[in-house]
Amino acid sequence: MSEPSHVLHAMGVPEEVARGALRFTVGDETTEADVDELVAALPDAVARARQAGSASRAPTRF
């Protein structure tokens, strides 16, 4: 299993929250269309992740 971000840890983010974090990196070759595609895909991906996570534990709100 991978370790949560050391940056989030240094910021005081709880480990459980840090383990659920995603990082998106953009660069010189990232297009506006790439960002639009990501933004369009996020709601469904988040909904599926929440549904999968709720099967194993109660949801946590921050």
PDB file of N, CA and C in Angstrom:
ATOM      1  N   MET A   1       0.852  -1.181   0.000  1.00  0.00           N
ATOM      2  CA  MET A   1       0.000   0.000   0.000  1.00  0.00           C
ATOM      3  C   MET A   1       0.894   1.239   0.000  1.00  0.00           C
ATOM      4  N   SER A   2       0.502   2.243  -0.752  1.00  0.00           N
ATOM      5  CA  SER A   2       1.299   3.464  -0.809  1.00  0.00           C
ATOM      6  C   SER A   2       1.061   4.329   0.423  1.00  0.00           C
ATOM      7  N   GLU A   3       2.002   5.166   0.700  1.00  0.00           N
ATOM      8  CA  GLU A   3       1.922   6.061   1.855  1.00  0.00           C
ATOM      9  C   GLU A   3       1.224   7.358   1.448  1.00  0.00           C
ATOM     10  N   PRO A   4       0.500   7.968   2.385  1.00  0.00           N
ATOM     11  CA  PRO A   4      -0.115   9.259   2.076  1.00  0.00           C
ATOM     12  C   PRO A   4       0.952  10.330   1.867  1.00  0.00           C
ATOM     13  N   SER A   5       0.573  11.388   1.197  1.00  0.00           N
ATOM     14  CA  SER A   5       1.483  12.480   0.877  1.00  0.00           C
ATOM     15  C   SER A   5       2.148  13.058   2.125  1.00  0.00           C
ATOM     16  N   HIS A   6       3.473  13.193   2.069  1.00  0.00           N
ATOM     17  CA  HIS A   6       4.196  13.808   3.183  1.00  0.00           C
ATOM     18  C   HIS A   6       3.820  15.286   3.317  1.00  0.00           C
ATOM     19  N   VAL A   7       3.433  15.907   2.217  1.00  0.00           N
ATOM     20  CA  VAL A   7       3.029  17.313   2.258  1.00  0.00           C
ATOM     21  C   VAL A   7       1.718  17.447   3.030  1.00  0.00           C
ATOM     22  N   LEU A   8       0.749  16.582   2.734  1.00  0.00           N
ATOM     23  CA  LEU A   8      -0.520  16.633   3.460  1.00  0.00           C
ATOM     24  C   LEU A   8      -0.298  16.323   4.940  1.00  0.00           C
ATOM     25  N   HIS A   9       0.581  15.378   5.211  1.00  0.00           N
ATOM     26  CA  HIS A   9       0.910  15.051   6.605  1.00  0.00           C
ATOM     27  C   HIS A   9       1.473  16.279   7.321  1.00  0.00           C
ATOM     28  N   ALA A  10       2.393  16.985   6.664  1.00  0.00           N
ATOM     29  CA  ALA A  10       3.004  18.181   7.261  1.00  0.00           C
ATOM     30  C   ALA A  10       1.977  19.286   7.481  1.00  0.00           C
ATOM     31  N   MET A  11       0.931  19.286   6.676  1.00  0.00           N
ATOM     32  CA  MET A  11      -0.131  20.285   6.816  1.00  0.00           C
ATOM     33  C   MET A  11      -1.120  19.919   7.919  1.00  0.00           C
ATOM     34  N   GLY A  12      -0.948  18.711   8.510  1.00  0.00           N
ATOM     35  CA  GLY A  12      -1.833  18.293   9.582  1.00  0.00           C
ATOM     36  C   GLY A  12      -3.100  17.594   9.118  1.00  0.00           C
ATOM     37  N   VAL A  13      -3.134  17.181   7.851  1.00  0.00           N
ATOM     38  CA  VAL A  13      -4.304  16.474   7.333  1.00  0.00           C
ATOM     39  C   VAL A  13      -4.324  15.070   7.940  1.00  0.00           C
ATOM     40  N   PRO A  14      -5.461  14.638   8.498  1.00  0.00           N
ATOM     41  CA  PRO A  14      -5.534  13.290   9.075  1.00  0.00           C
ATOM     42  C   PRO A  14      -5.179  12.225   8.034  1.00  0.00           C
ATOM     43  N   GLU A  15      -4.517  11.162   8.474  1.00  0.00           N
ATOM     44  CA  GLU A  15      -4.063  10.110   7.554  1.00  0.00           C
ATOM     45  C   GLU A  15      -5.211   9.541   6.724  1.00  0.00           C
ATOM     46  N   GLU A  16      -6.356   9.304   7.341  1.00  0.00           N
ATOM     47  CA  GLU A  16      -7.495   8.731   6.608  1.00  0.00           C
ATOM     48  C   GLU A  16      -7.923   9.642   5.460  1.00  0.00           C
ATOM     49  N   VAL A  17      -7.892  10.926   5.692  1.00  0.00           N
ATOM     50  CA  VAL A  17      -8.257  11.888   4.646  1.00  0.00           C
ATOM     51  C   VAL A  17      -7.157  11.945   3.589  1.00  0.00           C
ATOM     52  N   ALA A  18      -5.913  11.983   4.023  1.00  0.00           N
ATOM     53  CA  ALA A  18      -4.785  12.062   3.093  1.00  0.00           C
ATOM     54  C   ALA A  18      -4.743  10.854   2.166  1.00  0.00           C
ATOM     55  N   ARG A  19      -5.114   9.694   2.671  1.00  0.00           N
ATOM     56  CA  ARG A  19      -5.123   8.485   1.835  1.00  0.00           C
ATOM     57  C   ARG A  19      -6.172   8.572   0.725  1.00  0.00           C
ATOM     58  N   GLY A  20      -7.170   9.398   0.900  1.00  0.00           N
ATOM     59  CA  GLY A  20      -8.206   9.560  -0.114  1.00  0.00           C
ATOM     60  C   GLY A  20      -7.955  10.716  -1.058  1.00  0.00           C
ATOM     61  N   ALA A  21      -6.830  11.368  -0.906  1.00  0.00           N
ATOM     62  CA  ALA A  21      -6.527  12.547  -1.734  1.00  0.00           C
ATOM     63  C   ALA A  21      -6.048  12.132  -3.123  1.00  0.00           C
ATOM     64  N   LEU A  22      -6.376  12.953  -4.085  1.00  0.00           N
ATOM     65  CA  LEU A  22      -5.882  12.775  -5.448  1.00  0.00           C
ATOM     66  C   LEU A  22      -5.107  14.021  -5.842  1.00  0.00           C
ATOM     67  N   ARG A  23      -4.058  13.819  -6.617  1.00  0.00           N
ATOM     68  CA  ARG A  23      -3.274  14.952  -7.111  1.00  0.00           C
ATOM     69  C   ARG A  23      -3.321  14.926  -8.626  1.00  0.00           C
ATOM     70  N   PHE A  24      -3.623  16.054  -9.194  1.00  0.00           N
ATOM     71  CA  PHE A  24      -3.651  16.196 -10.644  1.00  0.00           C
ATOM     72  C   PHE A  24      -2.523  17.133 -11.034  1.00  0.00           C
ATOM     73  N   THR A  25      -1.708  16.696 -11.969  1.00  0.00           N
ATOM     74  CA  THR A  25      -0.585  17.490 -12.415  1.00  0.00           C
ATOM     75  C   THR A  25      -0.810  17.912 -13.864  1.00  0.00           C
ATOM     76  N   VAL A  26      -0.615  19.173 -14.120  1.00  0.00           N
ATOM     77  CA  VAL A  26      -0.712  19.680 -15.488  1.00  0.00           C
ATOM     78  C   VAL A  26       0.636  20.245 -15.888  1.00  0.00           C
ATOM     79  N   GLY A  27       0.888  20.240 -17.174  1.00  0.00           N
ATOM     80  CA  GLY A  27       2.160  20.746 -17.666  1.00  0.00           C
ATOM     81  C   GLY A  27       1.972  21.504 -18.966  1.00  0.00           C
ATOM     82  N   ASP A  28       3.069  21.790 -19.607  1.00  0.00           N
ATOM     83  CA  ASP A  28       3.052  22.571 -20.844  1.00  0.00           C
ATOM     84  C   ASP A  28       2.219  21.909 -21.946  1.00  0.00           C
ATOM     85  N   GLU A  29       2.168  20.580 -21.930  1.00  0.00           N
ATOM     86  CA  GLU A  29       1.444  19.866 -22.982  1.00  0.00           C
ATOM     87  C   GLU A  29      -0.015  19.594 -22.624  1.00  0.00           C
ATOM     88  N   THR A  30      -0.436  19.947 -21.422  1.00  0.00           N
ATOM     89  CA  THR A  30      -1.824  19.768 -21.021  1.00  0.00           C
ATOM     90  C   THR A  30      -2.677  20.806 -21.737  1.00  0.00           C
ATOM     91  N   THR A  31      -3.732  20.320 -22.373  1.00  0.00           N
ATOM     92  CA  THR A  31      -4.598  21.231 -23.119  1.00  0.00           C
ATOM     93  C   THR A  31      -5.843  21.569 -22.314  1.00  0.00           C
ATOM     94  N   GLU A  32      -6.524  22.600 -22.744  1.00  0.00           N
ATOM     95  CA  GLU A  32      -7.806  22.946 -22.119  1.00  0.00           C
ATOM     96  C   GLU A  32      -8.790  21.797 -22.274  1.00  0.00           C
ATOM     97  N   ALA A  33      -8.721  21.100 -23.400  1.00  0.00           N
ATOM     98  CA  ALA A  33      -9.589  19.941 -23.627  1.00  0.00           C
ATOM     99  C   ALA A  33      -9.289  18.831 -22.616  1.00  0.00           C
ATOM    100  N   ASP A  34      -8.011  18.643 -22.270  1.00  0.00           N
ATOM    101  CA  ASP A  34      -7.641  17.648 -21.257  1.00  0.00           C
ATOM    102  C   ASP A  34      -8.292  17.984 -19.913  1.00  0.00           C
ATOM    103  N   VAL A  35      -8.226  19.247 -19.532  1.00  0.00           N
ATOM    104  CA  VAL A  35      -8.807  19.684 -18.265  1.00  0.00           C
ATOM    105  C   VAL A  35     -10.331  19.543 -18.309  1.00  0.00           C
ATOM    106  N   ASP A  36     -10.940  19.933 -19.415  1.00  0.00           N
ATOM    107  CA  ASP A  36     -12.395  19.790 -19.564  1.00  0.00           C
ATOM    108  C   ASP A  36     -12.823  18.333 -19.433  1.00  0.00           C
ATOM    109  N   GLU A  37     -12.038  17.420 -20.015  1.00  0.00           N
ATOM    110  CA  GLU A  37     -12.350  15.989 -19.941  1.00  0.00           C
ATOM    111  C   GLU A  37     -12.268  15.488 -18.499  1.00  0.00           C
ATOM    112  N   LEU A  38     -11.253  15.918 -17.789  1.00  0.00           N
ATOM    113  CA  LEU A  38     -11.114  15.540 -16.377  1.00  0.00           C
ATOM    114  C   LEU A  38     -12.293  16.061 -15.564  1.00  0.00           C
ATOM    115  N   VAL A  39     -12.615  17.334 -15.733  1.00  0.00           N
ATOM    116  CA  VAL A  39     -13.705  17.953 -14.970  1.00  0.00           C
ATOM    117  C   VAL A  39     -15.027  17.236 -15.264  1.00  0.00           C
ATOM    118  N   ALA A  40     -15.237  16.837 -16.495  1.00  0.00           N
ATOM    119  CA  ALA A  40     -16.468  16.134 -16.856  1.00  0.00           C
ATOM    120  C   ALA A  40     -16.527  14.737 -16.229  1.00  0.00           C
ATOM    121  N   ALA A  41     -15.377  14.098 -16.075  1.00  0.00           N
ATOM    122  CA  ALA A  41     -15.339  12.733 -15.538  1.00  0.00           C
ATOM    123  C   ALA A  41     -15.389  12.681 -14.013  1.00  0.00           C
ATOM    124  N   LEU A  42     -15.024  13.752 -13.336  1.00  0.00           N
ATOM    125  CA  LEU A  42     -14.910  13.729 -11.874  1.00  0.00           C
ATOM    126  C   LEU A  42     -16.202  13.396 -11.132  1.00  0.00           C
ATOM    127  N   PRO A  43     -17.342  14.010 -11.454  1.00  0.00           N
ATOM    128  CA  PRO A  43     -18.537  13.716 -10.654  1.00  0.00           C
ATOM    129  C   PRO A  43     -18.889  12.230 -10.606  1.00  0.00           C
ATOM    130  N   ASP A  44     -18.831  11.554 -11.745  1.00  0.00           N
ATOM    131  CA  ASP A  44     -19.146  10.125 -11.759  1.00  0.00           C
ATOM    132  C   ASP A  44     -18.094   9.321 -10.994  1.00  0.00           C
ATOM    133  N   ALA A  45     -16.833   9.680 -11.161  1.00  0.00           N
ATOM    134  CA  ALA A  45     -15.759   8.973 -10.459  1.00  0.00           C
ATOM    135  C   ALA A  45     -15.886   9.140  -8.949  1.00  0.00           C
ATOM    136  N   VAL A  46     -16.206  10.349  -8.500  1.00  0.00           N
ATOM    137  CA  VAL A  46     -16.382  10.599  -7.068  1.00  0.00           C
ATOM    138  C   VAL A  46     -17.582   9.820  -6.538  1.00  0.00           C
ATOM    139  N   ALA A  47     -18.675   9.820  -7.274  1.00  0.00           N
ATOM    140  CA  ALA A  47     -19.869   9.093  -6.844  1.00  0.00           C
ATOM    141  C   ALA A  47     -19.576   7.593  -6.719  1.00  0.00           C
ATOM    142  N   ARG A  48     -18.862   7.038  -7.689  1.00  0.00           N
ATOM    143  CA  ARG A  48     -18.527   5.606  -7.628  1.00  0.00           C
ATOM    144  C   ARG A  48     -17.584   5.305  -6.473  1.00  0.00           C
ATOM    145  N   ALA A  49     -16.619   6.182  -6.221  1.00  0.00           N
ATOM    146  CA  ALA A  49     -15.685   5.971  -5.109  1.00  0.00           C
ATOM    147  C   ALA A  49     -16.403   6.050  -3.775  1.00  0.00           C
ATOM    148  N   ARG A  50     -17.313   6.996  -3.656  1.00  0.00           N
ATOM    149  CA  ARG A  50     -18.077   7.111  -2.410  1.00  0.00           C
ATOM    150  C   ARG A  50     -18.947   5.888  -2.191  1.00  0.00           C
ATOM    151  N   GLN A  51     -19.568   5.400  -3.255  1.00  0.00           N
ATOM    152  CA  GLN A  51     -20.414   4.215  -3.148  1.00  0.00           C
ATOM    153  C   GLN A  51     -19.578   3.002  -2.740  1.00  0.00           C
ATOM    154  N   ALA A  52     -18.428   2.849  -3.321  1.00  0.00           N
ATOM    155  CA  ALA A  52     -17.547   1.734  -2.981  1.00  0.00           C
ATOM    156  C   ALA A  52     -17.054   1.851  -1.546  1.00  0.00           C
ATOM    157  N   GLY A  53     -16.720   3.058  -1.113  1.00  0.00           N
ATOM    158  CA  GLY A  53     -16.223   3.259   0.244  1.00  0.00           C
ATOM    159  C   GLY A  53     -17.285   3.077   1.294  1.00  0.00           C
ATOM    160  N   SER A  54     -18.540   3.399   0.965  1.00  0.00           N
ATOM    161  CA  SER A  54     -19.601   3.290   1.961  1.00  0.00           C
ATOM    162  C   SER A  54     -19.947   1.848   2.277  1.00  0.00           C
ATOM    163  N   ALA A  55     -19.544   0.932   1.418  1.00  0.00           N
ATOM    164  CA  ALA A  55     -19.808  -0.471   1.684  1.00  0.00           C
ATOM    165  C   ALA A  55     -18.927  -0.984   2.824  1.00  0.00           C
ATOM    166  N   SER A  56     -17.776  -0.328   3.040  1.00  0.00           N
ATOM    167  CA  SER A  56     -16.860  -0.821   4.067  1.00  0.00           C
ATOM    168  C   SER A  56     -16.823   0.030   5.327  1.00  0.00           C
ATOM    169  N   ARG A  57     -17.343   1.275   5.255  1.00  0.00           N
ATOM    170  CA  ARG A  57     -17.329   2.127   6.434  1.00  0.00           C
ATOM    171  C   ARG A  57     -18.321   3.264   6.254  1.00  0.00           C
ATOM    172  N   ALA A  58     -18.647   3.904   7.357  1.00  0.00           N
ATOM    173  CA  ALA A  58     -19.557   5.045   7.315  1.00  0.00           C
ATOM    174  C   ALA A  58     -18.854   6.231   6.673  1.00  0.00           C
ATOM    175  N   PRO A  59     -19.564   7.034   5.891  1.00  0.00           N
ATOM    176  CA  PRO A  59     -18.940   8.206   5.266  1.00  0.00           C
ATOM    177  C   PRO A  59     -18.478   9.227   6.292  1.00  0.00           C
ATOM    178  N   THR A  60     -17.382   9.876   5.990  1.00  0.00           N
ATOM    179  CA  THR A  60     -16.843  10.930   6.848  1.00  0.00           C
ATOM    180  C   THR A  60     -16.919  12.232   6.101  1.00  0.00           C
ATOM    181  N   ARG A  61     -17.396  13.262   6.800  1.00  0.00           N
ATOM    182  CA  ARG A  61     -17.501  14.584   6.183  1.00  0.00           C
ATOM    183  C   ARG A  61     -16.475  15.511   6.820  1.00  0.00           C
ATOM    184  N   PHE A  62     -15.823  16.326   5.996  1.00  0.00           N
ATOM    185  CA  PHE A  62     -14.859  17.312   6.475  1.00  0.00           C
ATOM    186  C   PHE A  62     -15.170  18.634   5.876  1.00  0.00           C
TER     187      PHE A  62
END
